[in-house]
N, C-alpha and C. Protein backbone atom coordinates (compact mmCIF):
# COMPACT_ATOMS: atom_id res chain seq x y z
N MET A 1 1.95 -11.74 4.04
CA MET A 1 1.02 -12.45 3.19
C MET A 1 1.73 -12.78 1.89
N LYS A 2 1.64 -14.00 1.46
CA LYS A 2 2.23 -14.43 0.21
C LYS A 2 1.13 -14.66 -0.80
N SER A 3 1.48 -14.59 -2.07
CA SER A 3 0.48 -14.90 -3.09
C SER A 3 0.97 -16.04 -3.95
N ASN A 4 0.03 -16.79 -4.46
CA ASN A 4 0.28 -17.87 -5.39
C ASN A 4 -0.55 -17.55 -6.61
N ASN A 5 0.06 -16.98 -7.62
CA ASN A 5 -0.68 -16.48 -8.78
C ASN A 5 -1.02 -17.63 -9.73
N ASN A 6 -2.09 -18.34 -9.42
CA ASN A 6 -2.57 -19.42 -10.26
C ASN A 6 -3.96 -19.02 -10.73
N PRO A 7 -4.14 -18.68 -12.01
CA PRO A 7 -5.44 -18.19 -12.48
C PRO A 7 -6.55 -19.23 -12.38
N GLU A 8 -6.21 -20.51 -12.23
CA GLU A 8 -7.22 -21.55 -12.12
C GLU A 8 -7.85 -21.58 -10.74
N GLU A 9 -7.19 -21.00 -9.77
CA GLU A 9 -7.68 -21.04 -8.40
C GLU A 9 -8.11 -19.65 -7.96
N ASN A 10 -9.02 -19.59 -7.04
CA ASN A 10 -9.48 -18.32 -6.49
C ASN A 10 -9.96 -18.58 -5.07
N GLU A 11 -9.02 -18.82 -4.18
CA GLU A 11 -9.36 -19.15 -2.81
C GLU A 11 -8.26 -18.70 -1.88
N VAL A 12 -8.53 -18.81 -0.60
CA VAL A 12 -7.54 -18.48 0.42
C VAL A 12 -7.08 -19.77 1.05
N ASN A 13 -5.79 -20.03 1.03
CA ASN A 13 -5.22 -21.23 1.63
C ASN A 13 -4.48 -20.84 2.89
N ASN A 14 -4.78 -21.47 4.00
CA ASN A 14 -4.07 -21.22 5.25
C ASN A 14 -3.04 -22.30 5.45
N ASP A 15 -1.76 -21.92 5.49
CA ASP A 15 -0.69 -22.86 5.75
C ASP A 15 -0.58 -23.10 7.26
N ALA A 16 0.19 -24.10 7.63
CA ALA A 16 0.36 -24.43 9.04
C ALA A 16 0.99 -23.29 9.82
N ASP A 17 1.78 -22.43 9.17
CA ASP A 17 2.44 -21.33 9.87
C ASP A 17 1.57 -20.08 9.94
N ASP A 18 0.27 -20.21 9.68
CA ASP A 18 -0.69 -19.11 9.73
C ASP A 18 -0.46 -18.06 8.65
N THR A 19 0.30 -18.38 7.63
CA THR A 19 0.46 -17.48 6.49
C THR A 19 -0.72 -17.68 5.56
N ILE A 20 -1.32 -16.60 5.14
CA ILE A 20 -2.44 -16.67 4.19
C ILE A 20 -1.85 -16.58 2.79
N MET A 21 -2.18 -17.54 1.95
CA MET A 21 -1.71 -17.54 0.57
C MET A 21 -2.91 -17.27 -0.34
N LEU A 22 -2.83 -16.18 -1.08
CA LEU A 22 -3.90 -15.83 -2.01
C LEU A 22 -3.59 -16.40 -3.38
N THR A 23 -4.64 -16.80 -4.06
CA THR A 23 -4.48 -17.36 -5.39
C THR A 23 -5.41 -16.63 -6.35
N GLY A 24 -5.26 -16.88 -7.62
CA GLY A 24 -6.15 -16.30 -8.62
C GLY A 24 -6.00 -14.79 -8.73
N ALA A 25 -7.13 -14.12 -9.00
CA ALA A 25 -7.12 -12.68 -9.21
C ALA A 25 -6.66 -11.92 -7.98
N GLU A 26 -7.05 -12.38 -6.79
CA GLU A 26 -6.64 -11.69 -5.56
C GLU A 26 -5.13 -11.78 -5.37
N GLY A 27 -4.55 -12.94 -5.68
CA GLY A 27 -3.10 -13.10 -5.58
C GLY A 27 -2.37 -12.21 -6.56
N ALA A 28 -2.88 -12.13 -7.79
CA ALA A 28 -2.27 -11.27 -8.81
C ALA A 28 -2.35 -9.80 -8.40
N LEU A 29 -3.48 -9.39 -7.82
CA LEU A 29 -3.65 -8.01 -7.36
C LEU A 29 -2.64 -7.71 -6.25
N LEU A 30 -2.51 -8.61 -5.28
CA LEU A 30 -1.57 -8.40 -4.18
C LEU A 30 -0.13 -8.34 -4.71
N ASP A 31 0.20 -9.21 -5.66
CA ASP A 31 1.54 -9.15 -6.27
C ASP A 31 1.80 -7.78 -6.87
N GLN A 32 0.82 -7.22 -7.59
CA GLN A 32 0.99 -5.92 -8.23
C GLN A 32 1.12 -4.81 -7.20
N VAL A 33 0.27 -4.83 -6.16
CA VAL A 33 0.33 -3.82 -5.10
C VAL A 33 1.70 -3.83 -4.44
N CYS A 34 2.18 -5.03 -4.09
CA CYS A 34 3.48 -5.15 -3.43
C CYS A 34 4.62 -4.71 -4.35
N ALA A 35 4.53 -5.05 -5.63
CA ALA A 35 5.56 -4.64 -6.60
C ALA A 35 5.57 -3.12 -6.75
N ASP A 36 4.40 -2.49 -6.79
CA ASP A 36 4.33 -1.03 -6.90
C ASP A 36 4.93 -0.36 -5.67
N ASP A 37 4.60 -0.88 -4.48
CA ASP A 37 5.17 -0.30 -3.26
C ASP A 37 6.69 -0.50 -3.23
N ALA A 38 7.15 -1.69 -3.62
CA ALA A 38 8.59 -1.95 -3.65
C ALA A 38 9.30 -1.00 -4.61
N ALA A 39 8.71 -0.78 -5.79
CA ALA A 39 9.31 0.12 -6.77
C ALA A 39 9.39 1.54 -6.22
N TYR A 40 8.35 1.96 -5.49
CA TYR A 40 8.36 3.30 -4.90
C TYR A 40 9.55 3.45 -3.95
N PHE A 41 9.71 2.49 -3.04
CA PHE A 41 10.78 2.61 -2.06
C PHE A 41 12.17 2.44 -2.68
N GLU A 42 12.27 1.66 -3.75
CA GLU A 42 13.54 1.57 -4.47
C GLU A 42 13.88 2.89 -5.14
N ALA A 43 12.87 3.58 -5.68
CA ALA A 43 13.08 4.86 -6.34
C ALA A 43 13.28 6.01 -5.35
N ASN A 44 12.87 5.80 -4.10
CA ASN A 44 12.97 6.83 -3.05
C ASN A 44 13.64 6.21 -1.82
N PRO A 45 14.94 5.92 -1.91
CA PRO A 45 15.62 5.18 -0.84
C PRO A 45 15.64 5.87 0.52
N GLY A 46 15.45 7.17 0.57
CA GLY A 46 15.44 7.88 1.84
C GLY A 46 14.08 7.84 2.54
N GLU A 47 13.08 7.31 1.88
CA GLU A 47 11.72 7.29 2.42
C GLU A 47 11.46 6.00 3.19
N SER A 48 10.66 6.11 4.24
CA SER A 48 10.23 4.91 4.97
C SER A 48 8.71 4.82 5.05
N GLU A 49 8.01 5.85 4.53
CA GLU A 49 6.55 5.86 4.54
C GLU A 49 6.04 6.34 3.19
N ARG A 50 4.85 5.87 2.88
CA ARG A 50 4.20 6.27 1.63
C ARG A 50 2.70 6.36 1.88
N LEU A 51 2.06 7.36 1.32
CA LEU A 51 0.61 7.50 1.35
C LEU A 51 0.13 7.45 -0.09
N ARG A 52 -0.76 6.50 -0.38
CA ARG A 52 -1.23 6.33 -1.76
C ARG A 52 -2.70 5.95 -1.75
N PRO A 53 -3.39 6.15 -2.89
CA PRO A 53 -4.79 5.74 -2.97
C PRO A 53 -4.92 4.23 -2.79
N MET A 54 -6.00 3.81 -2.14
CA MET A 54 -6.26 2.38 -1.96
C MET A 54 -6.71 1.78 -3.28
N ILE A 55 -6.25 0.58 -3.54
CA ILE A 55 -6.66 -0.17 -4.71
C ILE A 55 -7.73 -1.16 -4.26
N GLU A 56 -8.88 -1.10 -4.92
CA GLU A 56 -10.01 -1.95 -4.52
C GLU A 56 -9.60 -3.42 -4.49
N GLY A 57 -9.82 -4.08 -3.36
CA GLY A 57 -9.53 -5.49 -3.21
C GLY A 57 -8.17 -5.80 -2.62
N GLU A 58 -7.34 -4.80 -2.35
CA GLU A 58 -5.98 -5.09 -1.88
C GLU A 58 -5.92 -5.65 -0.46
N PHE A 59 -7.00 -5.53 0.30
CA PHE A 59 -6.99 -6.07 1.65
C PHE A 59 -7.80 -7.37 1.74
N TYR A 60 -8.15 -7.97 0.60
CA TYR A 60 -8.85 -9.25 0.58
C TYR A 60 -8.04 -10.27 1.37
N PRO A 61 -8.61 -11.11 2.20
CA PRO A 61 -10.02 -11.43 2.36
C PRO A 61 -10.73 -10.59 3.41
N GLU A 62 -10.06 -9.60 3.95
CA GLU A 62 -10.72 -8.71 4.91
C GLU A 62 -11.76 -7.86 4.17
N ALA A 63 -12.82 -7.55 4.86
CA ALA A 63 -13.84 -6.67 4.27
C ALA A 63 -13.23 -5.28 4.08
N PRO A 64 -13.52 -4.61 2.99
CA PRO A 64 -12.97 -3.26 2.80
C PRO A 64 -13.53 -2.31 3.84
N PRO A 65 -12.72 -1.34 4.26
CA PRO A 65 -13.22 -0.36 5.22
C PRO A 65 -14.40 0.41 4.64
N GLU A 66 -15.31 0.79 5.51
CA GLU A 66 -16.46 1.56 5.07
C GLU A 66 -16.00 2.97 4.70
N VAL A 67 -16.44 3.43 3.55
CA VAL A 67 -16.06 4.78 3.11
C VAL A 67 -16.94 5.79 3.85
N VAL A 68 -16.29 6.76 4.44
CA VAL A 68 -16.98 7.81 5.18
C VAL A 68 -17.28 8.95 4.21
N PRO A 69 -18.50 9.51 4.24
CA PRO A 69 -18.81 10.63 3.34
C PRO A 69 -17.80 11.77 3.50
N GLY A 70 -17.34 12.30 2.39
CA GLY A 70 -16.37 13.38 2.41
C GLY A 70 -14.93 12.90 2.52
N CYS A 71 -14.73 11.58 2.48
CA CYS A 71 -13.38 11.02 2.60
C CYS A 71 -13.10 10.08 1.43
N GLU A 72 -11.85 9.84 1.19
CA GLU A 72 -11.39 8.84 0.24
C GLU A 72 -10.59 7.82 1.02
N MET A 73 -10.49 6.63 0.50
CA MET A 73 -9.69 5.59 1.14
C MET A 73 -8.28 5.62 0.58
N TRP A 74 -7.32 5.70 1.46
CA TRP A 74 -5.91 5.71 1.11
C TRP A 74 -5.23 4.61 1.90
N VAL A 75 -3.98 4.38 1.62
CA VAL A 75 -3.21 3.36 2.32
C VAL A 75 -1.92 4.00 2.80
N GLU A 76 -1.62 3.78 4.08
CA GLU A 76 -0.32 4.17 4.63
C GLU A 76 0.59 2.95 4.53
N VAL A 77 1.67 3.09 3.79
CA VAL A 77 2.63 2.00 3.63
C VAL A 77 3.89 2.41 4.39
N ALA A 78 4.36 1.53 5.26
CA ALA A 78 5.60 1.80 6.00
C ALA A 78 6.61 0.72 5.64
N GLN A 79 7.80 1.15 5.27
CA GLN A 79 8.87 0.19 5.01
C GLN A 79 9.67 0.04 6.29
N LEU A 80 9.62 -1.16 6.88
CA LEU A 80 10.32 -1.43 8.14
C LEU A 80 11.78 -1.78 7.90
N ALA A 81 12.05 -2.42 6.78
CA ALA A 81 13.39 -2.78 6.32
C ALA A 81 13.25 -3.04 4.83
N PRO A 82 14.34 -3.04 4.07
CA PRO A 82 14.21 -3.33 2.64
C PRO A 82 13.47 -4.66 2.43
N GLY A 83 12.38 -4.60 1.67
CA GLY A 83 11.58 -5.78 1.39
C GLY A 83 10.55 -6.14 2.44
N LEU A 84 10.51 -5.40 3.55
CA LEU A 84 9.56 -5.67 4.63
C LEU A 84 8.70 -4.43 4.85
N ARG A 85 7.43 -4.53 4.44
CA ARG A 85 6.54 -3.38 4.51
C ARG A 85 5.23 -3.76 5.18
N THR A 86 4.58 -2.77 5.77
CA THR A 86 3.23 -2.94 6.30
C THR A 86 2.32 -1.98 5.55
N ARG A 87 1.04 -2.36 5.47
CA ARG A 87 0.04 -1.49 4.84
C ARG A 87 -1.15 -1.42 5.77
N ARG A 88 -1.72 -0.22 5.88
CA ARG A 88 -2.96 -0.09 6.65
C ARG A 88 -3.84 0.96 5.99
N PRO A 89 -5.16 0.70 6.03
CA PRO A 89 -6.09 1.66 5.44
C PRO A 89 -6.07 2.97 6.20
N ALA A 90 -6.31 4.04 5.49
CA ALA A 90 -6.37 5.37 6.11
C ALA A 90 -7.43 6.19 5.39
N TYR A 91 -8.13 7.00 6.14
CA TYR A 91 -9.10 7.92 5.54
C TYR A 91 -8.38 9.21 5.20
N GLN A 92 -8.71 9.76 4.07
CA GLN A 92 -8.17 11.06 3.67
C GLN A 92 -9.37 11.95 3.41
N VAL A 93 -9.47 13.02 4.17
CA VAL A 93 -10.56 13.97 3.97
C VAL A 93 -10.35 14.68 2.64
N VAL A 94 -11.41 14.76 1.88
CA VAL A 94 -11.34 15.43 0.57
C VAL A 94 -11.52 16.93 0.80
N LEU A 95 -10.51 17.68 0.46
CA LEU A 95 -10.52 19.13 0.64
C LEU A 95 -10.28 19.79 -0.71
N ASP A 96 -10.66 21.03 -0.82
CA ASP A 96 -10.27 21.79 -2.00
C ASP A 96 -8.80 22.14 -1.83
N GLY A 97 -8.06 22.13 -2.89
CA GLY A 97 -6.65 22.49 -2.83
C GLY A 97 -5.77 21.32 -3.23
N PRO A 98 -4.48 21.39 -2.86
CA PRO A 98 -3.53 20.38 -3.29
C PRO A 98 -3.88 19.00 -2.73
N SER A 99 -3.57 17.97 -3.49
CA SER A 99 -3.85 16.61 -3.07
C SER A 99 -2.86 16.20 -1.98
N PRO A 100 -3.17 15.14 -1.23
CA PRO A 100 -2.23 14.64 -0.21
C PRO A 100 -0.90 14.25 -0.82
N LEU A 101 -0.91 13.76 -2.07
CA LEU A 101 0.35 13.39 -2.70
C LEU A 101 1.21 14.61 -2.93
N ASP A 102 0.61 15.75 -3.28
CA ASP A 102 1.37 16.98 -3.45
C ASP A 102 2.01 17.40 -2.13
N ARG A 103 1.24 17.28 -1.04
CA ARG A 103 1.80 17.64 0.28
C ARG A 103 2.93 16.69 0.65
N ALA A 104 2.77 15.39 0.35
CA ALA A 104 3.82 14.42 0.65
C ALA A 104 5.07 14.73 -0.16
N ALA A 105 4.89 15.11 -1.42
CA ALA A 105 6.04 15.46 -2.25
C ALA A 105 6.76 16.69 -1.70
N ARG A 106 5.99 17.67 -1.20
CA ARG A 106 6.62 18.86 -0.61
C ARG A 106 7.40 18.48 0.65
N ARG A 107 6.84 17.57 1.47
CA ARG A 107 7.56 17.14 2.68
C ARG A 107 8.86 16.43 2.31
N ARG A 108 8.81 15.55 1.29
CA ARG A 108 10.02 14.85 0.87
C ARG A 108 11.07 15.83 0.38
N ALA A 109 10.65 16.81 -0.42
CA ALA A 109 11.58 17.80 -0.94
C ALA A 109 12.21 18.61 0.20
N ALA A 110 11.41 18.98 1.19
CA ALA A 110 11.92 19.75 2.33
C ALA A 110 12.93 18.91 3.13
N ARG A 111 12.63 17.60 3.33
CA ARG A 111 13.57 16.75 4.07
C ARG A 111 14.86 16.58 3.29
N ALA A 112 14.76 16.41 1.96
CA ALA A 112 15.95 16.25 1.12
C ALA A 112 16.79 17.52 1.17
N ALA A 113 16.13 18.67 1.12
CA ALA A 113 16.87 19.94 1.17
C ALA A 113 17.56 20.10 2.51
N ALA A 114 16.89 19.69 3.59
CA ALA A 114 17.48 19.81 4.92
C ALA A 114 18.71 18.91 5.07
N ARG A 115 18.69 17.74 4.42
CA ARG A 115 19.83 16.82 4.51
C ARG A 115 21.05 17.34 3.77
N THR A 116 20.85 18.18 2.75
CA THR A 116 21.96 18.68 1.95
C THR A 116 22.59 19.95 2.55
N ARG A 117 22.00 20.45 3.61
CA ARG A 117 22.55 21.67 4.22
C ARG A 117 23.72 21.35 5.10
């Protein structure tokens, strides 16, 4: 999905190649989401997956997933190659204790330690 950040427009344009081009606020939001994911993978070159909180509107024009009681909406981001990523919604059960990001950080640290052995 490409974005065309033109604040005067706020629509979805379908090109002949079936690429959806977002404009206006939705395009700006998608640009920011993609830039944040890119920065994460640049800062963590050994990683190919990321779990992060969902940003409201990032899956526009698709309807947002229904929030299940006791869960939060997160996004699983997979980097397939540098600059090529997929995103999909994921439910995260809200539990007492460490956050999913803390668990992900522990997994990354354990993998990094294993690589240095």
